Amino acid sequence: MNLPNKLTVFRILLIPVFMLIVIFGGDASVKVAGTTVYWKLVIAAVVFAVASATDWFDGHIARSRNLVTNFGKFADPLADKMLTMTAFIMLISLNLAPAWVIAIIVCRELAVTGLRLILAENKGQVMAAAMPGKIKTTCQMLSIIFLLVGDFYHIGTILLYIALIFTIYSGWDYFHNSWDVFEGSM
């Protein structure tokens, strides 16, 4: 297994660590500028940030060293979705993110994943991430980190709504550019 794939597997393994910290991390807190900051959420944000960083590193290493594999093409986007969806669900349970926003994000992720499967099966195409999708992912990951760290909740909320806009736009963009796969089958 090459280094990029090891980083992807590491990202997947950090997901239950992240969840356990959020669920069982205790309630130790400190007041910062009038805001209660829970240490477990700060630690969870650090774990999430490390996991998120592996997304950039595995892709950069795979492309720069020509280490792109079928496992990486499959596991890397799956790991990203598993990580962000888990974090978003945990944010709902902590009342740090509105469920309706997360529902739209999750539905878009499922729809685009389905579209990718159809394109791969019917046309043998691997749909690469376009720039709006990359912006969406970056905003999602940053929003999660800022929402977890109590003193930056407002920044996290703004980033979450920016992520929502790019979630909707990039989903529309993927389907608009690939709509021909559905022609004649409706």
N, C-alpha and C. Protein backbone atom coordinates (compact mmCIF):
# COMPACT_ATOMS: atom_id res chain seq x y z
N MET A 1 0.85 -1.17 0.00
CA MET A 1 0.00 0.00 0.00
C MET A 1 0.90 1.24 0.00
N ASN A 2 0.64 2.14 -0.94
CA ASN A 2 1.49 3.33 -1.05
C ASN A 2 1.09 4.39 -0.01
N LEU A 3 1.91 5.43 0.11
CA LEU A 3 1.71 6.47 1.13
C LEU A 3 0.36 7.18 1.00
N PRO A 4 -0.05 7.62 -0.20
CA PRO A 4 -1.36 8.27 -0.28
C PRO A 4 -2.51 7.38 0.21
N ASN A 5 -2.45 6.10 -0.12
CA ASN A 5 -3.51 5.20 0.34
C ASN A 5 -3.45 4.99 1.85
N LYS A 6 -2.25 4.97 2.40
CA LYS A 6 -2.12 4.87 3.86
C LYS A 6 -2.72 6.09 4.54
N LEU A 7 -2.51 7.27 3.95
CA LEU A 7 -3.10 8.49 4.51
C LEU A 7 -4.62 8.44 4.44
N THR A 8 -5.16 7.89 3.36
CA THR A 8 -6.61 7.75 3.23
C THR A 8 -7.15 6.81 4.30
N VAL A 9 -6.49 5.68 4.51
CA VAL A 9 -6.91 4.73 5.54
C VAL A 9 -6.80 5.38 6.93
N PHE A 10 -5.73 6.14 7.15
CA PHE A 10 -5.56 6.86 8.41
C PHE A 10 -6.73 7.81 8.64
N ARG A 11 -7.15 8.53 7.60
CA ARG A 11 -8.30 9.44 7.70
C ARG A 11 -9.54 8.67 8.14
N ILE A 12 -9.76 7.51 7.54
CA ILE A 12 -10.93 6.69 7.90
C ILE A 12 -10.84 6.24 9.36
N LEU A 13 -9.64 5.87 9.80
CA LEU A 13 -9.46 5.42 11.18
C LEU A 13 -9.64 6.55 12.20
N LEU A 14 -9.43 7.79 11.78
CA LEU A 14 -9.63 8.91 12.69
C LEU A 14 -11.12 9.23 12.93
N ILE A 15 -11.99 8.72 12.07
CA ILE A 15 -13.42 9.01 12.21
C ILE A 15 -13.97 8.50 13.55
N PRO A 16 -13.76 7.22 13.92
CA PRO A 16 -14.27 6.79 15.23
C PRO A 16 -13.57 7.49 16.40
N VAL A 17 -12.30 7.86 16.22
CA VAL A 17 -11.60 8.61 17.27
C VAL A 17 -12.31 9.95 17.47
N PHE A 18 -12.60 10.64 16.39
CA PHE A 18 -13.32 11.91 16.43
C PHE A 18 -14.66 11.73 17.15
N MET A 19 -15.42 10.71 16.75
CA MET A 19 -16.74 10.47 17.35
C MET A 19 -16.63 10.20 18.84
N LEU A 20 -15.69 9.36 19.23
CA LEU A 20 -15.54 9.02 20.65
C LEU A 20 -15.17 10.24 21.49
N ILE A 21 -14.35 11.11 20.94
CA ILE A 21 -14.00 12.33 21.67
C ILE A 21 -15.23 13.20 21.87
N VAL A 22 -16.02 13.37 20.82
CA VAL A 22 -17.23 14.19 20.93
C VAL A 22 -18.22 13.59 21.92
N ILE A 23 -18.39 12.27 21.87
CA ILE A 23 -19.39 11.61 22.71
C ILE A 23 -18.93 11.48 24.16
N PHE A 24 -17.69 11.05 24.36
CA PHE A 24 -17.23 10.71 25.71
C PHE A 24 -16.12 11.61 26.25
N GLY A 25 -15.87 12.72 25.59
CA GLY A 25 -14.73 13.56 25.97
C GLY A 25 -14.84 14.31 27.27
N GLY A 26 -15.98 14.27 27.94
CA GLY A 26 -16.14 15.00 29.20
C GLY A 26 -16.67 16.39 28.95
N ASP A 27 -16.89 17.10 30.05
CA ASP A 27 -17.50 18.42 29.97
C ASP A 27 -16.59 19.54 30.48
N ALA A 28 -15.29 19.29 30.57
CA ALA A 28 -14.36 20.33 31.03
C ALA A 28 -14.44 21.52 30.09
N SER A 29 -14.56 22.72 30.67
CA SER A 29 -14.70 23.90 29.83
C SER A 29 -14.00 25.08 30.47
N VAL A 30 -13.88 26.14 29.68
CA VAL A 30 -13.30 27.39 30.14
C VAL A 30 -14.06 28.51 29.46
N LYS A 31 -14.19 29.64 30.13
CA LYS A 31 -14.84 30.82 29.53
C LYS A 31 -13.77 31.63 28.80
N VAL A 32 -14.02 31.90 27.52
CA VAL A 32 -13.13 32.72 26.70
C VAL A 32 -13.98 33.81 26.08
N ALA A 33 -13.70 35.04 26.43
CA ALA A 33 -14.44 36.19 25.89
C ALA A 33 -15.95 35.99 26.00
N GLY A 34 -16.39 35.46 27.14
CA GLY A 34 -17.81 35.27 27.37
C GLY A 34 -18.40 34.03 26.73
N THR A 35 -17.59 33.24 26.04
CA THR A 35 -18.05 32.03 25.38
C THR A 35 -17.49 30.81 26.09
N THR A 36 -18.33 29.81 26.33
CA THR A 36 -17.85 28.58 26.94
C THR A 36 -17.22 27.71 25.87
N VAL A 37 -15.96 27.35 26.10
CA VAL A 37 -15.23 26.49 25.17
C VAL A 37 -15.02 25.14 25.85
N TYR A 38 -15.54 24.10 25.24
CA TYR A 38 -15.40 22.75 25.78
C TYR A 38 -14.15 22.11 25.20
N TRP A 39 -13.29 21.64 26.06
CA TRP A 39 -12.01 21.09 25.62
C TRP A 39 -12.19 19.90 24.70
N LYS A 40 -13.19 19.07 24.96
CA LYS A 40 -13.40 17.90 24.10
C LYS A 40 -13.67 18.33 22.66
N LEU A 41 -14.38 19.45 22.49
CA LEU A 41 -14.69 19.90 21.14
C LEU A 41 -13.46 20.52 20.47
N VAL A 42 -12.60 21.16 21.26
CA VAL A 42 -11.35 21.68 20.71
C VAL A 42 -10.47 20.52 20.26
N ILE A 43 -10.39 19.49 21.08
CA ILE A 43 -9.60 18.30 20.72
C ILE A 43 -10.21 17.62 19.50
N ALA A 44 -11.54 17.52 19.48
CA ALA A 44 -12.23 16.94 18.31
C ALA A 44 -11.94 17.76 17.05
N ALA A 45 -11.92 19.09 17.19
CA ALA A 45 -11.61 19.96 16.04
C ALA A 45 -10.19 19.70 15.55
N VAL A 46 -9.25 19.48 16.45
CA VAL A 46 -7.86 19.20 16.05
C VAL A 46 -7.79 17.86 15.32
N VAL A 47 -8.46 16.85 15.85
CA VAL A 47 -8.48 15.54 15.19
C VAL A 47 -9.11 15.66 13.81
N PHE A 48 -10.21 16.39 13.73
CA PHE A 48 -10.86 16.59 12.43
C PHE A 48 -9.94 17.34 11.48
N ALA A 49 -9.25 18.36 11.97
CA ALA A 49 -8.33 19.14 11.12
C ALA A 49 -7.19 18.27 10.59
N VAL A 50 -6.66 17.41 11.45
CA VAL A 50 -5.59 16.49 11.01
C VAL A 50 -6.13 15.55 9.94
N ALA A 51 -7.31 14.99 10.19
CA ALA A 51 -7.92 14.09 9.20
C ALA A 51 -8.18 14.82 7.89
N SER A 52 -8.67 16.04 7.98
CA SER A 52 -8.95 16.84 6.78
C SER A 52 -7.67 17.14 6.01
N ALA A 53 -6.59 17.42 6.74
CA ALA A 53 -5.32 17.72 6.08
C ALA A 53 -4.81 16.53 5.28
N THR A 54 -5.08 15.32 5.75
CA THR A 54 -4.62 14.14 5.00
C THR A 54 -5.27 14.09 3.62
N ASP A 55 -6.45 14.69 3.48
CA ASP A 55 -7.11 14.72 2.17
C ASP A 55 -6.26 15.47 1.16
N TRP A 56 -5.75 16.62 1.56
CA TRP A 56 -4.90 17.39 0.67
C TRP A 56 -3.58 16.66 0.41
N PHE A 57 -2.96 16.16 1.48
CA PHE A 57 -1.66 15.52 1.34
C PHE A 57 -1.73 14.25 0.48
N ASP A 58 -2.74 13.40 0.69
CA ASP A 58 -2.77 12.16 -0.10
C ASP A 58 -2.95 12.46 -1.59
N GLY A 59 -3.80 13.44 -1.90
CA GLY A 59 -3.99 13.80 -3.31
C GLY A 59 -2.75 14.41 -3.92
N HIS A 60 -2.11 15.31 -3.19
CA HIS A 60 -0.90 15.97 -3.68
C HIS A 60 0.22 14.94 -3.92
N ILE A 61 0.41 14.06 -2.97
CA ILE A 61 1.47 13.05 -3.10
C ILE A 61 1.15 12.09 -4.25
N ALA A 62 -0.10 11.65 -4.33
CA ALA A 62 -0.48 10.70 -5.39
C ALA A 62 -0.25 11.29 -6.77
N ARG A 63 -0.63 12.56 -6.97
CA ARG A 63 -0.46 13.18 -8.28
C ARG A 63 1.01 13.51 -8.56
N SER A 64 1.71 14.05 -7.59
CA SER A 64 3.09 14.48 -7.84
C SER A 64 4.05 13.32 -8.02
N ARG A 65 3.75 12.19 -7.42
CA ARG A 65 4.63 11.01 -7.52
C ARG A 65 4.06 9.92 -8.43
N ASN A 66 2.97 10.26 -9.12
CA ASN A 66 2.32 9.31 -10.02
C ASN A 66 1.95 8.01 -9.29
N LEU A 67 1.30 8.18 -8.14
CA LEU A 67 0.90 7.03 -7.32
C LEU A 67 -0.62 6.87 -7.27
N VAL A 68 -1.30 7.33 -8.32
CA VAL A 68 -2.76 7.23 -8.38
C VAL A 68 -3.14 5.77 -8.59
N THR A 69 -4.03 5.26 -7.72
CA THR A 69 -4.46 3.86 -7.81
C THR A 69 -5.99 3.79 -7.85
N ASN A 70 -6.51 2.64 -8.26
CA ASN A 70 -7.96 2.45 -8.23
C ASN A 70 -8.49 2.51 -6.80
N PHE A 71 -7.72 1.96 -5.85
CA PHE A 71 -8.13 2.04 -4.45
C PHE A 71 -8.24 3.49 -4.03
N GLY A 72 -7.27 4.31 -4.39
CA GLY A 72 -7.29 5.72 -4.04
C GLY A 72 -8.45 6.46 -4.67
N LYS A 73 -8.73 6.15 -5.95
CA LYS A 73 -9.86 6.79 -6.63
C LYS A 73 -11.18 6.47 -5.94
N PHE A 74 -11.26 5.26 -5.39
CA PHE A 74 -12.47 4.84 -4.68
C PHE A 74 -12.49 5.35 -3.24
N ALA A 75 -11.40 5.09 -2.51
CA ALA A 75 -11.40 5.31 -1.07
C ALA A 75 -11.26 6.78 -0.68
N ASP A 76 -10.52 7.58 -1.46
CA ASP A 76 -10.31 8.97 -1.08
C ASP A 76 -11.61 9.77 -1.00
N PRO A 77 -12.44 9.79 -2.06
CA PRO A 77 -13.69 10.54 -1.93
C PRO A 77 -14.64 9.93 -0.90
N LEU A 78 -14.60 8.60 -0.76
CA LEU A 78 -15.43 7.95 0.25
C LEU A 78 -15.00 8.38 1.65
N ALA A 79 -13.71 8.43 1.90
CA ALA A 79 -13.19 8.84 3.21
C ALA A 79 -13.60 10.27 3.51
N ASP A 80 -13.54 11.14 2.50
CA ASP A 80 -13.95 12.53 2.70
C ASP A 80 -15.41 12.61 3.11
N LYS A 81 -16.26 11.89 2.41
CA LYS A 81 -17.68 11.92 2.71
C LYS A 81 -17.98 11.31 4.07
N MET A 82 -17.31 10.21 4.40
CA MET A 82 -17.51 9.59 5.70
C MET A 82 -17.10 10.55 6.82
N LEU A 83 -15.98 11.22 6.64
CA LEU A 83 -15.48 12.14 7.66
C LEU A 83 -16.42 13.34 7.83
N THR A 84 -16.75 14.01 6.74
CA THR A 84 -17.57 15.22 6.86
C THR A 84 -19.00 14.89 7.28
N MET A 85 -19.58 13.81 6.77
CA MET A 85 -20.95 13.48 7.14
C MET A 85 -21.02 13.09 8.62
N THR A 86 -20.03 12.35 9.10
CA THR A 86 -19.98 12.00 10.52
C THR A 86 -19.90 13.27 11.36
N ALA A 87 -19.02 14.18 10.98
CA ALA A 87 -18.87 15.42 11.74
C ALA A 87 -20.15 16.24 11.71
N PHE A 88 -20.80 16.33 10.55
CA PHE A 88 -22.04 17.09 10.47
C PHE A 88 -23.13 16.48 11.35
N ILE A 89 -23.23 15.17 11.37
CA ILE A 89 -24.23 14.51 12.22
C ILE A 89 -23.92 14.79 13.69
N MET A 90 -22.65 14.77 14.05
CA MET A 90 -22.27 15.08 15.43
C MET A 90 -22.60 16.54 15.75
N LEU A 91 -22.43 17.45 14.80
CA LEU A 91 -22.76 18.85 15.03
C LEU A 91 -24.26 19.03 15.28
N ILE A 92 -25.08 18.27 14.56
CA ILE A 92 -26.53 18.33 14.80
C ILE A 92 -26.83 17.87 16.22
N SER A 93 -26.19 16.77 16.65
CA SER A 93 -26.45 16.24 17.99
C SER A 93 -26.03 17.22 19.08
N LEU A 94 -25.08 18.10 18.76
CA LEU A 94 -24.60 19.11 19.71
C LEU A 94 -25.34 20.44 19.56
N ASN A 95 -26.34 20.47 18.67
CA ASN A 95 -27.08 21.71 18.37
C ASN A 95 -26.17 22.82 17.85
N LEU A 96 -25.17 22.45 17.07
CA LEU A 96 -24.25 23.42 16.50
C LEU A 96 -24.47 23.65 15.01
N ALA A 97 -25.38 22.88 14.41
CA ALA A 97 -25.67 23.04 12.98
C ALA A 97 -27.14 22.68 12.76
N PRO A 98 -27.82 23.45 11.89
CA PRO A 98 -29.23 23.14 11.62
C PRO A 98 -29.37 21.87 10.77
N ALA A 99 -30.30 21.03 11.18
CA ALA A 99 -30.49 19.75 10.50
C ALA A 99 -30.86 19.92 9.04
N TRP A 100 -31.64 20.95 8.69
CA TRP A 100 -32.07 21.12 7.30
C TRP A 100 -30.89 21.40 6.38
N VAL A 101 -29.90 22.15 6.88
CA VAL A 101 -28.70 22.43 6.07
C VAL A 101 -27.94 21.13 5.84
N ILE A 102 -27.77 20.37 6.90
CA ILE A 102 -27.02 19.11 6.80
C ILE A 102 -27.76 18.13 5.91
N ALA A 103 -29.08 18.11 5.97
CA ALA A 103 -29.86 17.22 5.11
C ALA A 103 -29.62 17.54 3.63
N ILE A 104 -29.58 18.81 3.28
CA ILE A 104 -29.30 19.20 1.89
C ILE A 104 -27.90 18.75 1.49
N ILE A 105 -26.94 18.96 2.38
CA ILE A 105 -25.56 18.56 2.08
C ILE A 105 -25.46 17.05 1.88
N VAL A 106 -26.08 16.28 2.78
CA VAL A 106 -26.02 14.82 2.68
C VAL A 106 -26.72 14.34 1.40
N CYS A 107 -27.87 14.91 1.09
CA CYS A 107 -28.58 14.51 -0.13
C CYS A 107 -27.76 14.79 -1.38
N ARG A 108 -27.12 15.93 -1.42
CA ARG A 108 -26.26 16.26 -2.57
C ARG A 108 -25.12 15.26 -2.69
N GLU A 109 -24.49 14.94 -1.55
CA GLU A 109 -23.37 14.00 -1.58
C GLU A 109 -23.82 12.64 -2.11
N LEU A 110 -24.98 12.18 -1.66
CA LEU A 110 -25.49 10.89 -2.14
C LEU A 110 -25.82 10.95 -3.63
N ALA A 111 -26.44 12.05 -4.06
CA ALA A 111 -26.80 12.19 -5.48
C ALA A 111 -25.57 12.22 -6.37
N VAL A 112 -24.56 12.98 -5.99
CA VAL A 112 -23.34 13.07 -6.81
C VAL A 112 -22.59 11.74 -6.80
N THR A 113 -22.58 11.06 -5.66
CA THR A 113 -21.95 9.73 -5.61
C THR A 113 -22.67 8.77 -6.55
N GLY A 114 -23.99 8.81 -6.57
CA GLY A 114 -24.75 7.99 -7.50
C GLY A 114 -24.45 8.34 -8.95
N LEU A 115 -24.36 9.63 -9.23
CA LEU A 115 -24.01 10.07 -10.59
C LEU A 115 -22.63 9.55 -10.98
N ARG A 116 -21.69 9.61 -10.08
CA ARG A 116 -20.35 9.08 -10.37
C ARG A 116 -20.40 7.60 -10.71
N LEU A 117 -21.22 6.85 -9.97
CA LEU A 117 -21.35 5.41 -10.24
C LEU A 117 -21.96 5.16 -11.61
N ILE A 118 -22.98 5.93 -11.97
CA ILE A 118 -23.63 5.77 -13.28
C ILE A 118 -22.64 6.10 -14.40
N LEU A 119 -21.88 7.19 -14.24
CA LEU A 119 -20.90 7.56 -15.26
C LEU A 119 -19.83 6.49 -15.41
N ALA A 120 -19.39 5.95 -14.29
CA ALA A 120 -18.35 4.91 -14.35
C ALA A 120 -18.89 3.65 -15.02
N GLU A 121 -20.13 3.28 -14.71
CA GLU A 121 -20.72 2.07 -15.26
C GLU A 121 -21.08 2.22 -16.74
N ASN A 122 -21.72 3.31 -17.10
CA ASN A 122 -22.23 3.48 -18.46
C ASN A 122 -21.23 4.04 -19.44
N LYS A 123 -20.33 4.87 -18.97
CA LYS A 123 -19.39 5.52 -19.89
C LYS A 123 -17.94 5.23 -19.57
N GLY A 124 -17.69 4.50 -18.49
CA GLY A 124 -16.31 4.22 -18.09
C GLY A 124 -15.57 5.47 -17.66
N GLN A 125 -16.31 6.51 -17.27
CA GLN A 125 -15.70 7.78 -16.88
C GLN A 125 -15.58 7.89 -15.37
N VAL A 126 -14.47 8.48 -14.94
CA VAL A 126 -14.32 8.85 -13.55
C VAL A 126 -14.51 10.35 -13.50
N MET A 127 -15.54 10.80 -12.79
CA MET A 127 -15.83 12.22 -12.71
C MET A 127 -14.92 12.85 -11.66
N ALA A 128 -13.98 13.65 -12.13
CA ALA A 128 -13.05 14.33 -11.23
C ALA A 128 -13.77 15.47 -10.54
N ALA A 129 -13.25 15.84 -9.39
CA ALA A 129 -13.82 16.96 -8.66
C ALA A 129 -13.54 18.26 -9.41
N ALA A 130 -14.58 19.04 -9.63
CA ALA A 130 -14.43 20.35 -10.27
C ALA A 130 -14.18 21.40 -9.18
N MET A 131 -13.77 22.59 -9.59
CA MET A 131 -13.44 23.63 -8.63
C MET A 131 -14.58 23.97 -7.66
N PRO A 132 -15.84 24.09 -8.12
CA PRO A 132 -16.90 24.36 -7.14
C PRO A 132 -17.01 23.27 -6.06
N GLY A 133 -16.78 22.03 -6.46
CA GLY A 133 -16.81 20.93 -5.50
C GLY A 133 -15.65 21.00 -4.52
N LYS A 134 -14.50 21.44 -5.00
CA LYS A 134 -13.35 21.60 -4.10
C LYS A 134 -13.57 22.74 -3.11
N ILE A 135 -14.17 23.82 -3.60
CA ILE A 135 -14.49 24.94 -2.70
C ILE A 135 -15.51 24.48 -1.66
N LYS A 136 -16.51 23.71 -2.10
CA LYS A 136 -17.52 23.17 -1.20
C LYS A 136 -16.88 22.36 -0.10
N THR A 137 -15.98 21.45 -0.47
CA THR A 137 -15.32 20.60 0.50
C THR A 137 -14.49 21.41 1.48
N THR A 138 -13.74 22.38 0.98
CA THR A 138 -12.92 23.22 1.85
C THR A 138 -13.80 24.00 2.83
N CYS A 139 -14.87 24.59 2.34
CA CYS A 139 -15.78 25.35 3.22
C CYS A 139 -16.44 24.43 4.25
N GLN A 140 -16.82 23.23 3.83
CA GLN A 140 -17.42 22.28 4.76
C GLN A 140 -16.44 21.95 5.88
N MET A 141 -15.22 21.62 5.50
CA MET A 141 -14.23 21.20 6.51
C MET A 141 -13.90 22.35 7.46
N LEU A 142 -13.72 23.55 6.91
CA LEU A 142 -13.42 24.70 7.77
C LEU A 142 -14.61 25.05 8.66
N SER A 143 -15.82 24.93 8.13
CA SER A 143 -16.99 25.24 8.96
C SER A 143 -17.08 24.28 10.14
N ILE A 144 -16.80 23.02 9.91
CA ILE A 144 -16.85 22.03 10.99
C ILE A 144 -15.84 22.39 12.08
N ILE A 145 -14.63 22.73 11.68
CA ILE A 145 -13.59 23.08 12.66
C ILE A 145 -14.03 24.30 13.47
N PHE A 146 -14.49 25.36 12.79
CA PHE A 146 -14.87 26.59 13.50
C PHE A 146 -16.13 26.40 14.35
N LEU A 147 -17.06 25.57 13.91
CA LEU A 147 -18.26 25.32 14.71
C LEU A 147 -17.92 24.56 16.00
N LEU A 148 -16.93 23.70 15.94
CA LEU A 148 -16.54 22.94 17.13
C LEU A 148 -15.84 23.81 18.17
N VAL A 149 -15.11 24.80 17.72
CA VAL A 149 -14.37 25.67 18.64
C VAL A 149 -15.29 26.84 18.98
N GLY A 150 -15.89 26.81 20.15
CA GLY A 150 -16.95 27.72 20.53
C GLY A 150 -16.74 29.19 20.25
N ASP A 151 -15.53 29.69 20.40
CA ASP A 151 -15.29 31.13 20.23
C ASP A 151 -15.38 31.56 18.76
N PHE A 152 -15.39 30.60 17.86
CA PHE A 152 -15.44 30.90 16.43
C PHE A 152 -16.73 30.41 15.78
N TYR A 153 -17.76 30.24 16.60
CA TYR A 153 -19.03 29.71 16.13
C TYR A 153 -19.61 30.53 14.97
N HIS A 154 -19.52 31.85 15.06
CA HIS A 154 -20.12 32.70 14.01
C HIS A 154 -19.38 32.53 12.68
N ILE A 155 -18.07 32.40 12.74
CA ILE A 155 -17.30 32.16 11.51
C ILE A 155 -17.70 30.80 10.93
N GLY A 156 -17.84 29.81 11.80
CA GLY A 156 -18.26 28.48 11.35
C GLY A 156 -19.62 28.49 10.71
N THR A 157 -20.55 29.28 11.27
CA THR A 157 -21.89 29.38 10.71
C THR A 157 -21.86 30.03 9.33
N ILE A 158 -21.10 31.09 9.19
CA ILE A 158 -20.98 31.75 7.88
C ILE A 158 -20.39 30.78 6.86
N LEU A 159 -19.33 30.07 7.25
CA LEU A 159 -18.71 29.10 6.34
C LEU A 159 -19.68 27.96 6.00
N LEU A 160 -20.51 27.57 6.96
CA LEU A 160 -21.49 26.51 6.70
C LEU A 160 -22.47 26.95 5.61
N TYR A 161 -22.93 28.19 5.67
CA TYR A 161 -23.87 28.66 4.66
C TYR A 161 -23.18 28.88 3.30
N ILE A 162 -21.93 29.28 3.33
CA ILE A 162 -21.16 29.36 2.07
C ILE A 162 -21.01 27.95 1.49
N ALA A 163 -20.71 26.98 2.37
CA ALA A 163 -20.62 25.59 1.93
C ALA A 163 -21.94 25.11 1.35
N LEU A 164 -23.05 25.52 1.97
CA LEU A 164 -24.37 25.14 1.46
C LEU A 164 -24.58 25.67 0.04
N ILE A 165 -24.21 26.93 -0.18
CA ILE A 165 -24.36 27.52 -1.52
C ILE A 165 -23.53 26.75 -2.54
N PHE A 166 -22.26 26.45 -2.19
CA PHE A 166 -21.41 25.70 -3.12
C PHE A 166 -21.85 24.25 -3.24
N THR A 167 -22.46 23.71 -2.19
CA THR A 167 -23.01 22.35 -2.26
C THR A 167 -24.10 22.29 -3.33
N ILE A 168 -25.02 23.23 -3.28
CA ILE A 168 -26.11 23.26 -4.24
C ILE A 168 -25.58 23.55 -5.65
N TYR A 169 -24.73 24.56 -5.76
CA TYR A 169 -24.21 24.94 -7.08
C TYR A 169 -23.39 23.80 -7.70
N SER A 170 -22.47 23.22 -6.92
CA SER A 170 -21.62 22.17 -7.50
C SER A 170 -22.43 20.93 -7.85
N GLY A 171 -23.46 20.61 -7.05
CA GLY A 171 -24.34 19.50 -7.40
C GLY A 171 -25.05 19.75 -8.71
N TRP A 172 -25.60 20.97 -8.87
CA TRP A 172 -26.24 21.35 -10.13
C TRP A 172 -25.23 21.27 -11.28
N ASP A 173 -24.02 21.77 -11.06
CA ASP A 173 -22.98 21.78 -12.09
C ASP A 173 -22.63 20.36 -12.54
N TYR A 174 -22.45 19.45 -11.60
CA TYR A 174 -22.13 18.06 -11.95
C TYR A 174 -23.25 17.44 -12.79
N PHE A 175 -24.49 17.63 -12.36
CA PHE A 175 -25.60 17.04 -13.11
C PHE A 175 -25.81 17.73 -14.45
N HIS A 176 -25.68 19.03 -14.49
CA HIS A 176 -25.82 19.78 -15.75
C HIS A 176 -24.79 19.30 -16.78
N ASN A 177 -23.56 19.10 -16.35
CA ASN A 177 -22.49 18.69 -17.27
C ASN A 177 -22.53 17.21 -17.62
N SER A 178 -23.33 16.44 -16.92
CA SER A 178 -23.37 14.99 -17.18
C SER A 178 -24.78 14.51 -17.53
N TRP A 179 -25.68 15.42 -17.80
CA TRP A 179 -27.08 15.06 -18.02
C TRP A 179 -27.26 14.09 -19.18
N ASP A 180 -26.35 14.08 -20.15
CA ASP A 180 -26.49 13.20 -21.30
C ASP A 180 -26.51 11.72 -20.93
N VAL A 181 -26.00 11.38 -19.77
CA VAL A 181 -26.02 9.98 -19.33
C VAL A 181 -27.46 9.51 -19.09
N PHE A 182 -28.39 10.44 -18.85
CA PHE A 182 -29.78 10.09 -18.61
C PHE A 182 -30.65 10.15 -19.85
N GLU A 183 -30.15 10.74 -20.93
CA GLU A 183 -30.97 10.89 -22.13
C GLU A 183 -31.36 9.52 -22.69
N GLY A 184 -32.60 9.41 -23.07
CA GLY A 184 -33.12 8.18 -23.64
C GLY A 184 -33.50 7.15 -22.60
N SER A 185 -33.26 7.43 -21.32
CA SER A 185 -33.60 6.45 -20.29
C SER A 185 -34.73 6.93 -19.37
N MET A 186 -35.32 8.07 -19.74
CA MET A 186 -36.38 8.60 -18.86
C MET A 186 -37.74 8.43 -19.49
